[in-house]
Amino acid sequence: MRKASSPVITVLALILIVFAASIIIYTWSSGFIIEGIGGSERNVLFQMLKLEGISVPRRFGDLAEVEIYLRNIGSVEAKIDMIYIESPGGLAIIAKNISKTIIPPKSLEEITFIINYTNVKPYIKYVLHISTNLGVYSFGLTRMDLYRLTTLQKQLMENH
């Protein structure tokens, strides 16, 4: 009679087979995942917006016209869906009447919109959110808070 191989060698052989199969399956599936990423997901890496400046040139009643200067430093155009300003408490001020919604690649654009600033409080830092076709960009208004910006403009208008 012939003796079978020892159980230890059989277990080691099975572990080796499972390990080799898992490496093959991982390599095969990750190749498909990389090939499966479409153009729109890759474009997220190439659409980048940079906030160059912000001002409030006009106020009328409870409304203020806000001008922002956005640079698209990416390689695909940015299509703006929505602009809103958020306080730390979660209060959102939605922008109305956005002047321009498409920013070509490698260009600087002035975008104007109207906000209702009655809920803007002093000494609170706000976050400007810009929602585009490929993602949301957030800019902290740390150097000039929105309250000082809108009240400063009001004071300048009253002095003239």
C-alpha atoms as a PDB file:
ATOM      1  CA  MET A   1       0.000   0.000   0.000  1.00  0.00           C
ATOM      2  CA  ARG A   2       1.057   3.500  -0.759  1.00  0.00           C
ATOM      3  CA  LYS A   3       0.801   6.173   1.836  1.00  0.00           C
ATOM      4  CA  ALA A   4      -0.847   9.471   0.962  1.00  0.00           C
ATOM      5  CA  SER A   5       1.026  12.702   1.391  1.00  0.00           C
ATOM      6  CA  SER A   6       0.964  14.071   4.863  1.00  0.00           C
ATOM      7  CA  PRO A   7      -1.907  16.390   5.854  1.00  0.00           C
ATOM      8  CA  VAL A   8       0.537  19.240   6.570  1.00  0.00           C
ATOM      9  CA  ILE A   9       1.849  19.221   2.999  1.00  0.00           C
ATOM     10  CA  THR A  10      -1.724  19.101   1.662  1.00  0.00           C
ATOM     11  CA  VAL A  11      -2.762  22.118   3.756  1.00  0.00           C
ATOM     12  CA  LEU A  12       0.327  24.069   2.663  1.00  0.00           C
ATOM     13  CA  ALA A  13      -0.388  23.243  -0.989  1.00  0.00           C
ATOM     14  CA  LEU A  14      -3.997  24.441  -0.619  1.00  0.00           C
ATOM     15  CA  ILE A  15      -2.863  27.691   1.052  1.00  0.00           C
ATOM     16  CA  LEU A  16      -0.382  28.277  -1.790  1.00  0.00           C
ATOM     17  CA  ILE A  17      -3.072  27.655  -4.436  1.00  0.00           C
ATOM     18  CA  VAL A  18      -5.543  30.027  -2.720  1.00  0.00           C
ATOM     19  CA  PHE A  19      -2.859  32.716  -2.339  1.00  0.00           C
ATOM     20  CA  ALA A  20      -1.838  32.469  -6.014  1.00  0.00           C
ATOM     21  CA  ALA A  21      -5.493  32.558  -7.131  1.00  0.00           C
ATOM     22  CA  SER A  22      -6.204  35.641  -5.025  1.00  0.00           C
ATOM     23  CA  ILE A  23      -3.221  37.488  -6.547  1.00  0.00           C
ATOM     24  CA  ILE A  24      -4.386  36.583 -10.057  1.00  0.00           C
ATOM     25  CA  ILE A  25      -7.973  37.690  -9.344  1.00  0.00           C
ATOM     26  CA  TYR A  26      -6.803  40.947  -7.737  1.00  0.00           C
ATOM     27  CA  THR A  27      -4.529  41.797 -10.665  1.00  0.00           C
ATOM     28  CA  TRP A  28      -7.216  40.946 -13.196  1.00  0.00           C
ATOM     29  CA  SER A  29      -9.969  42.930 -11.442  1.00  0.00           C
ATOM     30  CA  SER A  30      -7.832  46.026 -10.771  1.00  0.00           C
ATOM     31  CA  GLY A  31      -6.890  46.132 -14.446  1.00  0.00           C
ATOM     32  CA  PHE A  32     -10.581  46.263 -15.315  1.00  0.00           C
ATOM     33  CA  ILE A  33     -11.261  48.911 -12.685  1.00  0.00           C
ATOM     34  CA  ILE A  34      -8.559  51.195 -14.079  1.00  0.00           C
ATOM     35  CA  GLU A  35      -9.761  50.645 -17.659  1.00  0.00           C
ATOM     36  CA  GLY A  36     -13.352  51.149 -16.528  1.00  0.00           C
ATOM     37  CA  ILE A  37     -12.810  54.706 -15.264  1.00  0.00           C
ATOM     38  CA  GLY A  38     -14.531  56.897 -17.800  1.00  0.00           C
ATOM     39  CA  GLY A  39     -13.610  60.317 -19.068  1.00  0.00           C
ATOM     40  CA  SER A  40     -15.805  62.273 -16.662  1.00  0.00           C
ATOM     41  CA  GLU A  41     -14.180  60.727 -13.599  1.00  0.00           C
ATOM     42  CA  ARG A  42     -10.729  61.429 -14.955  1.00  0.00           C
ATOM     43  CA  ASN A  43     -11.709  65.037 -15.727  1.00  0.00           C
ATOM     44  CA  VAL A  44     -12.308  65.732 -12.037  1.00  0.00           C
ATOM     45  CA  LEU A  45      -8.545  65.698 -11.660  1.00  0.00           C
ATOM     46  CA  PHE A  46      -8.200  68.306 -14.396  1.00  0.00           C
ATOM     47  CA  GLN A  47     -10.908  70.762 -13.338  1.00  0.00           C
ATOM     48  CA  MET A  48      -9.645  73.065 -10.611  1.00  0.00           C
ATOM     49  CA  LEU A  49     -11.029  76.420  -9.580  1.00  0.00           C
ATOM     50  CA  LYS A  50      -9.126  79.094  -7.706  1.00  0.00           C
ATOM     51  CA  LEU A  51     -10.829  82.040  -6.011  1.00  0.00           C
ATOM     52  CA  GLU A  52      -8.834  85.140  -6.981  1.00  0.00           C
ATOM     53  CA  GLY A  53     -10.994  87.815  -5.369  1.00  0.00           C
ATOM     54  CA  ILE A  54     -14.378  88.816  -3.966  1.00  0.00           C
ATOM     55  CA  SER A  55     -16.134  92.149  -3.615  1.00  0.00           C
ATOM     56  CA  VAL A  56     -19.585  93.582  -2.951  1.00  0.00           C
ATOM     57  CA  PRO A  57     -19.921  96.580  -5.312  1.00  0.00           C
ATOM     58  CA  ARG A  58     -23.649  97.291  -4.800  1.00  0.00           C
ATOM     59  CA  ARG A  59     -26.309  96.878  -2.155  1.00  0.00           C
ATOM     60  CA  PHE A  60     -30.021  97.512  -2.493  1.00  0.00           C
ATOM     61  CA  GLY A  61     -32.275  96.873   0.472  1.00  0.00           C
ATOM     62  CA  ASP A  62     -31.560  93.458   1.937  1.00  0.00           C
ATOM     63  CA  LEU A  63     -29.807  92.305  -1.237  1.00  0.00           C
ATOM     64  CA  ALA A  64     -26.167  92.621  -2.208  1.00  0.00           C
ATOM     65  CA  GLU A  65     -24.459  92.073  -5.519  1.00  0.00           C
ATOM     66  CA  VAL A  66     -21.343  89.954  -5.045  1.00  0.00           C
ATOM     67  CA  GLU A  67     -18.517  89.752  -7.570  1.00  0.00           C
ATOM     68  CA  ILE A  68     -16.121  86.845  -7.441  1.00  0.00           C
ATOM     69  CA  TYR A  69     -13.135  86.270  -9.653  1.00  0.00           C
ATOM     70  CA  LEU A  70     -12.635  82.589 -10.431  1.00  0.00           C
ATOM     71  CA  ARG A  71      -9.713  81.108 -12.319  1.00  0.00           C
ATOM     72  CA  ASN A  72     -10.124  77.688 -13.892  1.00  0.00           C
ATOM     73  CA  ILE A  73      -6.596  76.313 -13.666  1.00  0.00           C
ATOM     74  CA  GLY A  74      -7.716  72.958 -15.035  1.00  0.00           C
ATOM     75  CA  SER A  75      -7.819  71.592 -18.555  1.00  0.00           C
ATOM     76  CA  VAL A  76     -11.615  71.201 -18.957  1.00  0.00           C
ATOM     77  CA  GLU A  77     -14.351  73.814 -18.742  1.00  0.00           C
ATOM     78  CA  ALA A  78     -16.214  74.269 -15.487  1.00  0.00           C
ATOM     79  CA  LYS A  79     -20.002  74.539 -15.672  1.00  0.00           C
ATOM     80  CA  ILE A  80     -21.345  76.225 -12.551  1.00  0.00           C
ATOM     81  CA  ASP A  81     -24.585  74.718 -11.270  1.00  0.00           C
ATOM     82  CA  MET A  82     -24.984  76.600  -7.994  1.00  0.00           C
ATOM     83  CA  ILE A  83     -23.213  79.049  -5.709  1.00  0.00           C
ATOM     84  CA  TYR A  84     -23.991  79.332  -2.028  1.00  0.00           C
ATOM     85  CA  ILE A  85     -22.396  80.738   1.101  1.00  0.00           C
ATOM     86  CA  GLU A  86     -22.511  78.717   4.310  1.00  0.00           C
ATOM     87  CA  SER A  87     -22.017  79.720   7.920  1.00  0.00           C
ATOM     88  CA  PRO A  88     -20.469  77.399  10.544  1.00  0.00           C
ATOM     89  CA  GLY A  89     -23.978  76.763  11.881  1.00  0.00           C
ATOM     90  CA  GLY A  90     -25.037  75.363   8.529  1.00  0.00           C
ATOM     91  CA  LEU A  91     -27.079  78.357   7.367  1.00  0.00           C
ATOM     92  CA  ALA A  92     -26.855  78.611   3.600  1.00  0.00           C
ATOM     93  CA  ILE A  93     -27.253  81.804   1.614  1.00  0.00           C
ATOM     94  CA  ILE A  94     -28.165  80.800  -1.937  1.00  0.00           C
ATOM     95  CA  ALA A  95     -26.891  82.950  -4.795  1.00  0.00           C
ATOM     96  CA  LYS A  96     -29.442  84.177  -7.333  1.00  0.00           C
ATOM     97  CA  ASN A  97     -28.984  85.497 -10.885  1.00  0.00           C
ATOM     98  CA  ILE A  98     -25.544  84.020 -11.554  1.00  0.00           C
ATOM     99  CA  SER A  99     -24.067  86.028 -14.441  1.00  0.00           C
ATOM    100  CA  LYS A 100     -21.815  83.420 -16.015  1.00  0.00           C
ATOM    101  CA  THR A 101     -22.015  79.676 -15.686  1.00  0.00           C
ATOM    102  CA  ILE A 102     -19.192  78.400 -17.896  1.00  0.00           C
ATOM    103  CA  ILE A 103     -15.512  79.043 -17.201  1.00  0.00           C
ATOM    104  CA  PRO A 104     -13.209  77.890 -20.002  1.00  0.00           C
ATOM    105  CA  PRO A 105      -9.970  76.130 -19.101  1.00  0.00           C
ATOM    106  CA  LYS A 106      -6.996  78.329 -18.167  1.00  0.00           C
ATOM    107  CA  SER A 107      -9.096  81.494 -17.862  1.00  0.00           C
ATOM    108  CA  LEU A 108     -10.124  84.039 -15.246  1.00  0.00           C
ATOM    109  CA  GLU A 109     -13.787  85.062 -15.147  1.00  0.00           C
ATOM    110  CA  GLU A 110     -15.736  87.635 -13.161  1.00  0.00           C
ATOM    111  CA  ILE A 111     -18.975  86.148 -11.907  1.00  0.00           C
ATOM    112  CA  THR A 112     -21.658  88.276 -10.290  1.00  0.00           C
ATOM    113  CA  PHE A 113     -24.634  87.092  -8.278  1.00  0.00           C
ATOM    114  CA  ILE A 114     -27.181  88.414  -5.807  1.00  0.00           C
ATOM    115  CA  ILE A 115     -27.483  87.302  -2.170  1.00  0.00           C
ATOM    116  CA  ASN A 116     -29.858  88.201   0.644  1.00  0.00           C
ATOM    117  CA  TYR A 117     -27.534  89.195   3.484  1.00  0.00           C
ATOM    118  CA  THR A 118     -30.083  89.747   6.260  1.00  0.00           C
ATOM    119  CA  ASN A 119     -28.851  86.596   8.034  1.00  0.00           C
ATOM    120  CA  VAL A 120     -25.165  87.530   7.765  1.00  0.00           C
ATOM    121  CA  LYS A 121     -23.745  87.923  11.279  1.00  0.00           C
ATOM    122  CA  PRO A 122     -20.563  89.706  12.386  1.00  0.00           C
ATOM    123  CA  TYR A 123     -17.329  87.872  13.216  1.00  0.00           C
ATOM    124  CA  ILE A 124     -18.391  84.602  11.643  1.00  0.00           C
ATOM    125  CA  LYS A 125     -16.222  83.089   8.978  1.00  0.00           C
ATOM    126  CA  TYR A 126     -18.229  81.917   5.986  1.00  0.00           C
ATOM    127  CA  VAL A 127     -17.486  79.329   3.325  1.00  0.00           C
ATOM    128  CA  LEU A 128     -18.180  79.978  -0.338  1.00  0.00           C
ATOM    129  CA  HIS A 129     -19.277  76.796  -2.153  1.00  0.00           C
ATOM    130  CA  ILE A 130     -19.279  76.540  -5.922  1.00  0.00           C
ATOM    131  CA  SER A 131     -20.995  73.482  -7.349  1.00  0.00           C
ATOM    132  CA  THR A 132     -19.898  72.508 -10.866  1.00  0.00           C
ATOM    133  CA  ASN A 133     -20.689  69.674 -13.223  1.00  0.00           C
ATOM    134  CA  LEU A 134     -17.706  67.726 -11.839  1.00  0.00           C
ATOM    135  CA  GLY A 135     -17.645  68.551  -8.135  1.00  0.00           C
ATOM    136  CA  VAL A 136     -18.011  71.127  -5.386  1.00  0.00           C
ATOM    137  CA  TYR A 137     -15.284  73.616  -4.560  1.00  0.00           C
ATOM    138  CA  SER A 138     -15.200  75.318  -1.162  1.00  0.00           C
ATOM    139  CA  PHE A 139     -13.337  78.491  -0.298  1.00  0.00           C
ATOM    140  CA  GLY A 140     -13.049  79.782   3.243  1.00  0.00           C
ATOM    141  CA  LEU A 141     -13.590  83.510   3.487  1.00  0.00           C
ATOM    142  CA  THR A 142     -10.931  83.856   6.173  1.00  0.00           C
ATOM    143  CA  ARG A 143      -9.184  87.096   5.254  1.00  0.00           C
ATOM    144  CA  MET A 144     -12.357  89.120   4.895  1.00  0.00           C
ATOM    145  CA  ASP A 145     -15.533  87.919   6.480  1.00  0.00           C
ATOM    146  CA  LEU A 146     -18.735  88.499   4.596  1.00  0.00           C
ATOM    147  CA  TYR A 147     -20.258  90.755   7.235  1.00  0.00           C
ATOM    148  CA  ARG A 148     -17.378  93.237   7.170  1.00  0.00           C
ATOM    149  CA  LEU A 149     -17.350  93.120   3.377  1.00  0.00           C
ATOM    150  CA  THR A 150     -21.052  93.989   3.073  1.00  0.00           C
ATOM    151  CA  THR A 151     -21.057  96.606   5.867  1.00  0.00           C
ATOM    152  CA  LEU A 152     -17.860  98.232   4.579  1.00  0.00           C
ATOM    153  CA  GLN A 153     -19.482  98.664   1.190  1.00  0.00           C
ATOM    154  CA  LYS A 154     -22.560 100.185   2.868  1.00  0.00           C
ATOM    155  CA  GLN A 155     -20.369 102.677   4.758  1.00  0.00           C
ATOM    156  CA  LEU A 156     -18.516 103.623   1.581  1.00  0.00           C
ATOM    157  CA  MET A 157     -21.808 104.201  -0.248  1.00  0.00           C
ATOM    158  CA  GLU A 158     -23.175 106.353   2.610  1.00  0.00           C
ATOM    159  CA  ASN A 159     -20.038 108.514   2.639  1.00  0.00           C
ATOM    160  CA  HIS A 160     -20.352 109.353  -1.068  1.00  0.00           C
END
